[in-house]
N, C-alpha and C. Protein backbone atom coordinates (compact mmCIF):
# COMPACT_ATOMS: atom_id res chain seq x y z
N MET A 1 1.04 -1.16 -0.05
CA MET A 1 0.03 -0.05 0.20
C MET A 1 0.77 1.25 -0.04
N THR A 2 0.42 2.55 -0.70
CA THR A 2 1.51 3.47 -1.20
C THR A 2 0.97 4.22 0.09
N LEU A 3 2.05 5.04 0.68
CA LEU A 3 1.70 6.09 1.86
C LEU A 3 1.08 7.25 1.00
N THR A 4 0.05 7.85 1.67
CA THR A 4 -0.61 8.88 0.97
C THR A 4 -0.69 9.88 2.43
N LEU A 5 -0.93 11.20 1.77
CA LEU A 5 -0.95 12.18 2.86
C LEU A 5 -1.97 11.99 3.72
N THR A 6 -3.22 11.56 3.47
CA THR A 6 -4.45 11.43 4.13
C THR A 6 -3.92 10.25 5.35
N ARG A 7 -3.39 9.26 4.78
CA ARG A 7 -2.85 8.01 5.79
C ARG A 7 -1.97 8.69 6.75
N ALA A 8 -0.92 9.44 6.20
CA ALA A 8 0.21 9.96 7.24
C ALA A 8 -0.46 10.91 8.10
N LEU A 9 -1.37 11.75 7.69
CA LEU A 9 -1.79 12.67 8.89
C LEU A 9 -3.31 12.10 9.55
N GLU A 10 -3.47 10.81 9.13
CA GLU A 10 -4.91 10.32 9.88
C GLU A 10 -5.99 10.93 9.66
N ILE A 11 -6.12 11.14 8.48
CA ILE A 11 -7.40 12.11 8.06
C ILE A 11 -8.36 11.11 7.39
N ASP A 12 -9.62 11.22 7.91
CA ASP A 12 -10.76 10.49 7.28
C ASP A 12 -11.19 11.40 6.15
N ILE A 13 -10.92 10.81 5.12
CA ILE A 13 -11.34 11.74 3.87
C ILE A 13 -12.84 11.77 3.74
N LYS A 14 -13.80 11.15 4.37
CA LYS A 14 -15.17 11.10 4.28
C LYS A 14 -15.69 12.26 5.12
N LEU A 15 -14.84 12.92 6.05
CA LEU A 15 -15.18 14.22 6.83
C LEU A 15 -14.66 15.36 6.16
N ILE A 16 -14.16 15.45 4.89
CA ILE A 16 -13.57 16.60 4.33
C ILE A 16 -14.46 17.01 3.60
N PRO A 17 -15.14 18.20 3.78
CA PRO A 17 -16.09 18.65 2.64
C PRO A 17 -15.74 18.68 1.09
N VAL A 18 -16.62 18.91 0.14
CA VAL A 18 -16.44 18.88 -1.28
C VAL A 18 -15.58 20.38 -1.64
N GLU A 19 -15.81 21.14 -0.95
CA GLU A 19 -15.36 22.50 -1.25
C GLU A 19 -13.76 22.52 -0.90
N GLU A 20 -13.40 21.63 -0.01
CA GLU A 20 -12.14 21.49 0.38
C GLU A 20 -11.19 20.54 -0.51
N ASP A 21 -11.92 19.78 -1.23
CA ASP A 21 -11.03 18.90 -2.25
C ASP A 21 -9.86 19.55 -2.89
N LYS A 22 -10.01 20.80 -3.29
CA LYS A 22 -8.91 21.34 -4.11
C LYS A 22 -7.87 21.63 -3.39
N ALA A 23 -7.91 21.93 -2.18
CA ALA A 23 -6.94 22.15 -1.11
C ALA A 23 -6.32 20.75 -0.77
N LEU A 24 -6.98 20.07 -0.73
CA LEU A 24 -6.55 18.51 -0.40
C LEU A 24 -5.74 18.15 -1.53
N LEU A 25 -6.16 18.21 -2.64
CA LEU A 25 -5.43 17.93 -3.95
C LEU A 25 -3.84 18.62 -3.97
N LEU A 26 -4.08 20.09 -3.80
CA LEU A 26 -2.74 20.92 -3.63
C LEU A 26 -1.98 20.63 -2.67
N ALA A 27 -2.27 20.04 -1.50
CA ALA A 27 -1.62 19.65 -0.29
C ALA A 27 -0.88 18.28 -0.73
N ARG A 28 -1.79 17.49 -1.27
CA ARG A 28 -1.14 15.98 -1.70
C ARG A 28 0.12 16.39 -2.55
N ARG A 29 -0.08 17.34 -3.79
CA ARG A 29 0.86 17.46 -4.67
C ARG A 29 2.17 18.27 -3.84
N LEU A 30 1.86 19.21 -2.92
CA LEU A 30 3.15 19.76 -2.28
C LEU A 30 3.93 18.89 -1.37
N TRP A 31 3.09 18.04 -0.74
CA TRP A 31 3.81 17.22 0.25
C TRP A 31 4.60 16.02 -0.79
N GLU A 32 3.90 15.77 -1.69
CA GLU A 32 4.70 14.80 -2.48
C GLU A 32 6.20 15.31 -3.09
N PHE A 33 5.87 16.66 -3.45
CA PHE A 33 7.17 17.45 -4.14
C PHE A 33 8.06 17.49 -3.10
N ASP A 34 7.72 17.81 -1.58
CA ASP A 34 8.50 17.79 -0.57
C ASP A 34 9.24 16.61 -0.47
N GLY A 35 8.82 15.67 -0.84
CA GLY A 35 9.53 14.05 -0.78
C GLY A 35 8.83 13.14 0.17
N ARG A 36 7.34 13.50 0.34
CA ARG A 36 6.72 12.61 1.38
C ARG A 36 7.08 12.67 2.49
N PRO A 37 7.42 13.64 3.51
CA PRO A 37 8.13 13.78 4.58
C PRO A 37 7.03 13.02 5.85
N ILE A 38 7.84 12.31 6.66
CA ILE A 38 6.97 11.81 7.71
C ILE A 38 7.66 12.25 9.09
N GLU A 39 9.03 12.52 8.96
CA GLU A 39 9.74 13.02 10.03
C GLU A 39 8.87 14.25 10.72
N PRO A 40 8.57 14.38 11.74
CA PRO A 40 7.72 15.23 12.51
C PRO A 40 7.98 16.91 12.06
N GLN A 41 9.44 17.31 12.34
CA GLN A 41 9.65 18.57 11.84
C GLN A 41 9.44 18.83 10.28
N ALA A 42 10.17 17.87 9.52
CA ALA A 42 9.78 18.04 8.21
C ALA A 42 8.24 18.02 7.73
N LEU A 43 7.62 17.26 8.27
CA LEU A 43 6.13 17.21 7.98
C LEU A 43 5.43 18.54 8.49
N ARG A 44 6.10 19.10 9.80
CA ARG A 44 5.32 20.37 9.91
C ARG A 44 5.86 21.57 8.85
N ARG A 45 7.10 21.58 8.56
CA ARG A 45 7.42 22.57 7.37
C ARG A 45 6.57 22.42 6.19
N SER A 46 6.51 20.96 5.90
CA SER A 46 5.74 20.96 4.61
C SER A 46 4.07 21.47 4.83
N LEU A 47 3.46 21.05 5.94
CA LEU A 47 2.05 21.49 6.19
C LEU A 47 2.00 23.31 6.25
N GLU A 48 3.17 23.81 6.74
CA GLU A 48 3.19 25.09 6.94
C GLU A 48 3.19 25.68 5.29
N ARG A 49 4.14 25.27 4.66
CA ARG A 49 4.07 25.42 3.31
C ARG A 49 3.06 25.38 2.45
N ILE A 50 2.03 24.25 2.60
CA ILE A 50 0.85 24.10 1.92
C ILE A 50 -0.27 25.19 2.56
N LEU A 51 -0.40 25.48 3.89
CA LEU A 51 -1.10 26.22 4.46
C LEU A 51 -0.94 27.80 4.06
N THR A 52 0.24 28.00 3.80
CA THR A 52 0.53 29.37 3.41
C THR A 52 0.36 29.57 1.96
N LEU A 53 0.34 28.49 1.09
CA LEU A 53 0.04 28.57 -0.19
C LEU A 53 -1.37 28.67 -0.39
N CYS A 54 -2.22 27.89 0.34
CA CYS A 54 -3.81 27.77 0.00
C CYS A 54 -4.29 29.24 0.59
N GLN A 55 -3.66 30.00 1.70
CA GLN A 55 -4.07 31.17 2.01
C GLN A 55 -3.65 32.07 1.23
N ARG A 56 -2.58 32.09 0.61
CA ARG A 56 -2.34 33.20 -0.42
C ARG A 56 -3.01 32.88 -1.74
N GLU A 57 -3.13 31.62 -2.29
CA GLU A 57 -4.47 31.60 -3.37
C GLU A 57 -5.75 31.70 -3.13
N GLY A 58 -6.05 31.77 -1.97
CA GLY A 58 -7.53 31.90 -1.48
C GLY A 58 -8.37 30.75 -1.57
N VAL A 59 -7.55 29.48 -1.33
CA VAL A 59 -8.12 28.10 -1.41
C VAL A 59 -8.61 27.67 -0.06
N ARG A 60 -9.77 27.41 0.15
CA ARG A 60 -10.22 27.00 1.76
C ARG A 60 -9.63 25.43 1.85
N TYR A 61 -8.81 25.45 3.10
CA TYR A 61 -8.11 24.24 3.37
C TYR A 61 -9.06 23.52 4.56
N PRO A 62 -8.78 22.13 4.41
CA PRO A 62 -9.49 21.36 5.51
C PRO A 62 -8.59 21.80 6.97
N ALA A 63 -9.54 22.11 7.95
CA ALA A 63 -9.19 22.50 9.46
C ALA A 63 -8.23 21.28 9.79
N ILE A 64 -8.13 20.08 9.50
CA ILE A 64 -7.33 19.25 10.14
C ILE A 64 -5.85 19.54 9.81
N LEU A 65 -5.52 20.10 8.64
CA LEU A 65 -4.27 20.37 8.14
C LEU A 65 -3.67 21.32 9.38
N LEU A 66 -4.55 22.32 9.62
CA LEU A 66 -4.16 23.36 10.45
C LEU A 66 -4.00 22.71 12.07
N ARG A 67 -4.75 21.80 12.11
CA ARG A 67 -4.77 21.00 13.81
C ARG A 67 -3.50 20.20 13.84
N ARG A 68 -3.20 19.45 12.54
CA ARG A 68 -1.99 18.75 12.67
C ARG A 68 -1.01 19.36 12.73
N LYS A 69 -0.69 20.49 11.83
CA LYS A 69 0.69 21.44 12.08
C LYS A 69 0.73 21.89 13.75
N LYS A 70 -0.51 22.31 14.00
CA LYS A 70 -0.26 22.96 15.68
C LYS A 70 0.16 21.81 16.64
N GLU A 71 -0.60 20.47 16.37
CA GLU A 71 -0.09 19.31 17.29
C GLU A 71 1.41 18.87 17.12
N LEU A 72 1.81 18.91 15.89
CA LEU A 72 3.15 18.62 15.60
C LEU A 72 4.16 19.98 16.39
N GLU A 73 3.76 21.30 16.41
CA GLU A 73 4.50 22.08 16.96
C GLU A 73 4.67 22.07 18.22
N ARG A 74 3.51 21.46 19.17
CA ARG A 74 3.22 21.33 20.44
C ARG A 74 3.76 19.83 20.92
N GLY A 75 3.74 19.14 19.90
CA GLY A 75 4.06 17.64 20.30
C GLY A 75 3.22 16.92 20.85
N THR A 76 2.15 16.96 20.85
CA THR A 76 0.89 16.30 21.24
C THR A 76 0.42 15.32 20.09
N TRP A 77 1.02 14.97 18.91
CA TRP A 77 0.81 14.32 17.80
C TRP A 77 1.80 14.14 17.00
N ALA A 78 1.97 12.87 16.49
CA ALA A 78 3.32 12.77 15.64
C ALA A 78 2.58 11.64 14.59
N PRO A 79 3.10 11.45 13.42
CA PRO A 79 2.68 10.30 12.63
C PRO A 79 3.14 9.14 13.16
N ASP A 80 2.41 8.12 12.81
CA ASP A 80 2.88 6.68 13.21
C ASP A 80 4.37 6.09 12.82
N PRO A 81 5.29 6.00 13.74
CA PRO A 81 6.63 5.58 13.29
C PRO A 81 6.61 4.45 12.00
N ALA A 82 5.69 3.75 12.07
CA ALA A 82 5.80 2.40 10.86
C ALA A 82 5.61 3.10 9.74
N LEU A 83 4.87 4.20 9.71
CA LEU A 83 4.82 4.74 8.24
C LEU A 83 6.41 5.22 7.63
N ALA A 84 7.17 5.23 8.40
CA ALA A 84 8.31 5.78 8.00
C ALA A 84 9.16 4.62 7.44
N ILE A 85 8.92 3.64 7.49
CA ILE A 85 9.31 2.47 7.04
C ILE A 85 9.38 2.27 5.52
N PRO A 86 10.54 2.32 4.76
CA PRO A 86 10.25 2.44 3.39
C PRO A 86 9.81 1.49 2.60
N GLU A 87 8.83 1.70 1.79
CA GLU A 87 8.34 0.69 0.84
C GLU A 87 8.46 0.84 -0.41
N GLU A 88 8.08 0.01 -1.45
CA GLU A 88 8.40 -0.04 -2.70
C GLU A 88 7.37 1.00 -3.39
N LEU A 89 8.09 1.93 -3.97
CA LEU A 89 7.02 2.87 -4.77
C LEU A 89 6.64 2.00 -6.21
N PRO A 90 5.58 2.37 -6.48
CA PRO A 90 4.94 2.07 -7.77
C PRO A 90 5.84 2.07 -8.93
N GLY A 91 6.39 3.34 -9.16
CA GLY A 91 7.32 3.63 -10.18
C GLY A 91 8.73 3.71 -9.81
N ASP A 92 9.36 4.18 -10.83
CA ASP A 92 10.71 4.47 -10.36
C ASP A 92 11.15 5.72 -9.78
N PRO A 93 12.02 5.32 -8.52
CA PRO A 93 12.02 6.42 -7.84
C PRO A 93 13.01 7.37 -8.21
N ASN A 94 13.93 7.20 -9.24
CA ASN A 94 14.45 8.19 -9.86
C ASN A 94 13.86 8.74 -10.96
N CYS A 95 12.57 8.61 -11.46
CA CYS A 95 11.77 9.18 -12.56
C CYS A 95 11.46 10.84 -11.90
N THR A 96 12.17 11.75 -13.01
CA THR A 96 12.08 13.02 -12.81
C THR A 96 10.52 13.44 -12.97
N ILE A 97 9.64 12.62 -13.82
CA ILE A 97 8.15 13.27 -13.95
C ILE A 97 7.16 12.98 -12.90
N CYS A 98 7.25 11.54 -12.55
CA CYS A 98 6.14 11.23 -11.20
C CYS A 98 7.15 10.97 -9.95
N ARG A 99 8.66 11.32 -9.92
CA ARG A 99 9.16 10.83 -8.60
C ARG A 99 8.84 9.81 -7.77
N GLY A 100 8.17 8.66 -8.80
CA GLY A 100 8.20 7.20 -7.92
C GLY A 100 6.76 6.80 -7.74
N ALA A 101 5.91 8.01 -8.04
CA ALA A 101 4.66 7.92 -7.73
C ALA A 101 4.00 6.92 -8.77
N GLY A 102 4.38 6.64 -9.80
CA GLY A 102 4.22 5.66 -11.12
C GLY A 102 2.54 6.51 -11.49
N VAL A 103 2.38 7.79 -11.23
CA VAL A 103 1.23 8.46 -11.79
C VAL A 103 1.59 9.85 -12.33
N ILE A 104 0.86 10.35 -13.37
CA ILE A 104 0.99 11.87 -13.62
C ILE A 104 -0.22 12.18 -13.54
N THR A 105 -0.59 13.78 -12.90
CA THR A 105 -1.74 14.04 -12.74
C THR A 105 -1.86 15.00 -14.20
N ASN A 106 -2.97 14.78 -14.65
CA ASN A 106 -3.42 15.47 -15.83
C ASN A 106 -3.79 16.95 -15.38
N PRO A 107 -3.52 17.77 -16.65
CA PRO A 107 -3.82 19.29 -16.29
C PRO A 107 -5.49 19.37 -15.54
N GLY A 108 -5.36 20.39 -14.37
CA GLY A 108 -6.55 20.55 -13.69
C GLY A 108 -6.77 19.85 -12.65
N GLY A 109 -5.92 18.67 -12.57
CA GLY A 109 -5.62 17.76 -11.32
C GLY A 109 -6.77 16.89 -11.12
N LEU A 110 -7.77 16.74 -11.91
CA LEU A 110 -8.87 15.97 -11.58
C LEU A 110 -8.69 14.20 -12.10
N SER A 111 -7.80 14.19 -12.69
CA SER A 111 -7.31 12.72 -13.13
C SER A 111 -6.17 12.73 -13.74
N GLY A 112 -5.63 11.27 -13.97
CA GLY A 112 -4.27 11.02 -14.25
C GLY A 112 -4.02 10.27 -15.15
N ARG A 113 -3.02 9.46 -15.12
CA ARG A 113 -2.49 8.48 -15.91
C ARG A 113 -1.27 8.01 -15.42
N ASN A 114 -0.83 6.44 -15.96
CA ASN A 114 0.22 5.96 -15.39
C ASN A 114 1.40 6.46 -16.10
N CYS A 115 2.48 6.55 -15.35
CA CYS A 115 3.75 7.06 -15.78
C CYS A 115 4.27 6.05 -16.77
N GLU A 116 5.38 6.39 -17.60
CA GLU A 116 6.00 5.32 -18.26
C GLU A 116 6.86 4.34 -17.37
N CYS A 117 7.31 5.03 -16.19
CA CYS A 117 8.53 4.26 -15.43
C CYS A 117 7.66 3.10 -14.78
N TYR A 118 6.17 3.54 -14.43
CA TYR A 118 5.31 2.46 -13.90
C TYR A 118 5.23 1.50 -14.89
N ILE A 119 4.86 1.80 -16.02
CA ILE A 119 4.29 0.81 -17.15
C ILE A 119 5.45 0.00 -17.32
N ARG A 120 6.76 0.39 -17.60
CA ARG A 120 7.83 -0.36 -17.39
C ARG A 120 8.18 -1.53 -16.21
N LYS A 121 7.98 -0.80 -15.56
CA LYS A 121 8.42 -1.57 -14.21
C LYS A 121 7.10 -2.78 -14.11
N ARG A 122 5.79 -2.36 -14.23
CA ARG A 122 4.77 -3.31 -14.15
C ARG A 122 4.89 -4.70 -15.17
N SER A 123 5.36 -4.35 -16.25
CA SER A 123 5.42 -5.30 -17.44
C SER A 123 6.77 -5.86 -17.16
N ALA A 124 7.71 -5.60 -16.59
CA ALA A 124 8.80 -6.30 -16.47
C ALA A 124 8.49 -7.10 -15.38
N LYS A 125 7.58 -7.00 -14.37
CA LYS A 125 7.28 -8.01 -13.42
C LYS A 125 6.50 -9.24 -14.03
N ARG A 126 5.73 -8.79 -14.89
CA ARG A 126 4.77 -9.87 -15.99
C ARG A 126 5.68 -10.65 -16.64
N ASP A 127 6.85 -10.15 -17.06
CA ASP A 127 7.41 -10.77 -18.36
C ASP A 127 8.15 -11.87 -17.46
N PRO A 128 8.22 -13.25 -17.77
CA PRO A 128 8.98 -14.16 -16.95
C PRO A 128 10.69 -14.11 -17.46
N ALA A 129 11.47 -14.15 -16.37
CA ALA A 129 12.76 -14.07 -16.34
C ALA A 129 13.29 -15.23 -16.97
N THR A 130 12.63 -16.39 -16.45
CA THR A 130 13.43 -17.90 -16.99
C THR A 130 12.52 -18.58 -17.43
N PRO A 131 12.77 -19.46 -18.35
CA PRO A 131 11.94 -20.49 -18.91
C PRO A 131 10.89 -21.23 -17.98
N GLU A 132 11.36 -21.52 -16.93
CA GLU A 132 10.64 -22.31 -15.92
C GLU A 132 9.48 -21.37 -15.37
N GLN A 133 9.51 -20.07 -15.18
CA GLN A 133 8.61 -19.30 -14.82
C GLN A 133 7.68 -19.10 -15.93
N ALA A 134 8.02 -19.11 -17.48
CA ALA A 134 7.26 -19.04 -18.09
C ALA A 134 6.23 -20.13 -18.57
N LEU A 135 6.96 -21.36 -18.25
CA LEU A 135 6.14 -22.42 -18.17
C LEU A 135 4.72 -22.52 -17.37
N ASP A 136 5.14 -21.80 -15.97
CA ASP A 136 4.26 -21.66 -14.88
C ASP A 136 3.01 -20.62 -15.27
N CYS A 137 3.62 -19.77 -16.34
CA CYS A 137 2.24 -18.79 -16.81
C CYS A 137 1.53 -19.63 -17.99
N GLN A 138 1.82 -20.67 -18.43
CA GLN A 138 0.90 -21.28 -19.49
C GLN A 138 -0.57 -21.75 -18.92
N PRO A 139 -1.51 -21.57 -19.63
CA PRO A 139 -2.83 -22.00 -18.91
C PRO A 139 -2.69 -23.57 -19.02
N ARG A 140 -3.47 -24.13 -17.83
CA ARG A 140 -3.44 -25.55 -17.52
C ARG A 140 -4.70 -26.06 -18.21
N ARG A 141 -4.94 -27.42 -18.65
CA ARG A 141 -6.10 -28.11 -19.20
C ARG A 141 -7.02 -27.83 -17.93
N GLY A 142 -8.17 -27.48 -18.58
CA GLY A 142 -9.54 -27.41 -17.71
C GLY A 142 -9.32 -25.99 -17.02
N SER A 143 -8.51 -25.04 -17.29
CA SER A 143 -8.71 -23.88 -16.99
C SER A 143 -9.58 -23.02 -18.15
N SER A 144 -10.14 -21.77 -17.51
CA SER A 144 -11.12 -21.19 -18.39
C SER A 144 -10.63 -20.67 -19.69
N LEU A 145 -9.13 -20.47 -19.89
CA LEU A 145 -8.48 -19.95 -20.97
C LEU A 145 -8.38 -21.26 -21.85
N SER A 146 -8.34 -22.48 -21.59
CA SER A 146 -7.87 -23.70 -22.23
C SER A 146 -8.98 -24.07 -23.28
N SER A 147 -10.05 -23.31 -23.00
CA SER A 147 -11.11 -23.60 -23.83
C SER A 147 -11.27 -22.94 -25.01
N LEU A 148 -10.16 -21.69 -24.96
CA LEU A 148 -10.02 -20.95 -26.23
C LEU A 148 -8.99 -21.49 -27.32
N GLU A 149 -8.31 -22.40 -26.86
CA GLU A 149 -7.13 -23.04 -27.89
C GLU A 149 -7.88 -24.04 -28.80
């Protein structure tokens, strides 16, 4: 499972009003641009940047973002340390287009598409590396695909 901003901040997305979706999308993009920080001080700086940009642009942001920033400053809340365990990114971590997320957001931010690095990585996992693995991929007699032969 990929780490998301809402998971890192323990936000219940169902409680976010529709009017604040744009700010949440902006927050996610800035957080990812900042390198998906989980360490409390880095996360606090990222949240400060998100809130400042939302305020400057006149975008209504979810109150939980300010609450988490204040809790981080006071030390009354911190992200779950288990989230800091590195997990495999869906894409190539060295990709300059998606930064390893595997997804490119389309203009307008309402939809996206798979990045080329994600497509290459996914197809490499499906391509058998050895002849033995290729045999394991063959449909077996009695399977639903064998009727097509």
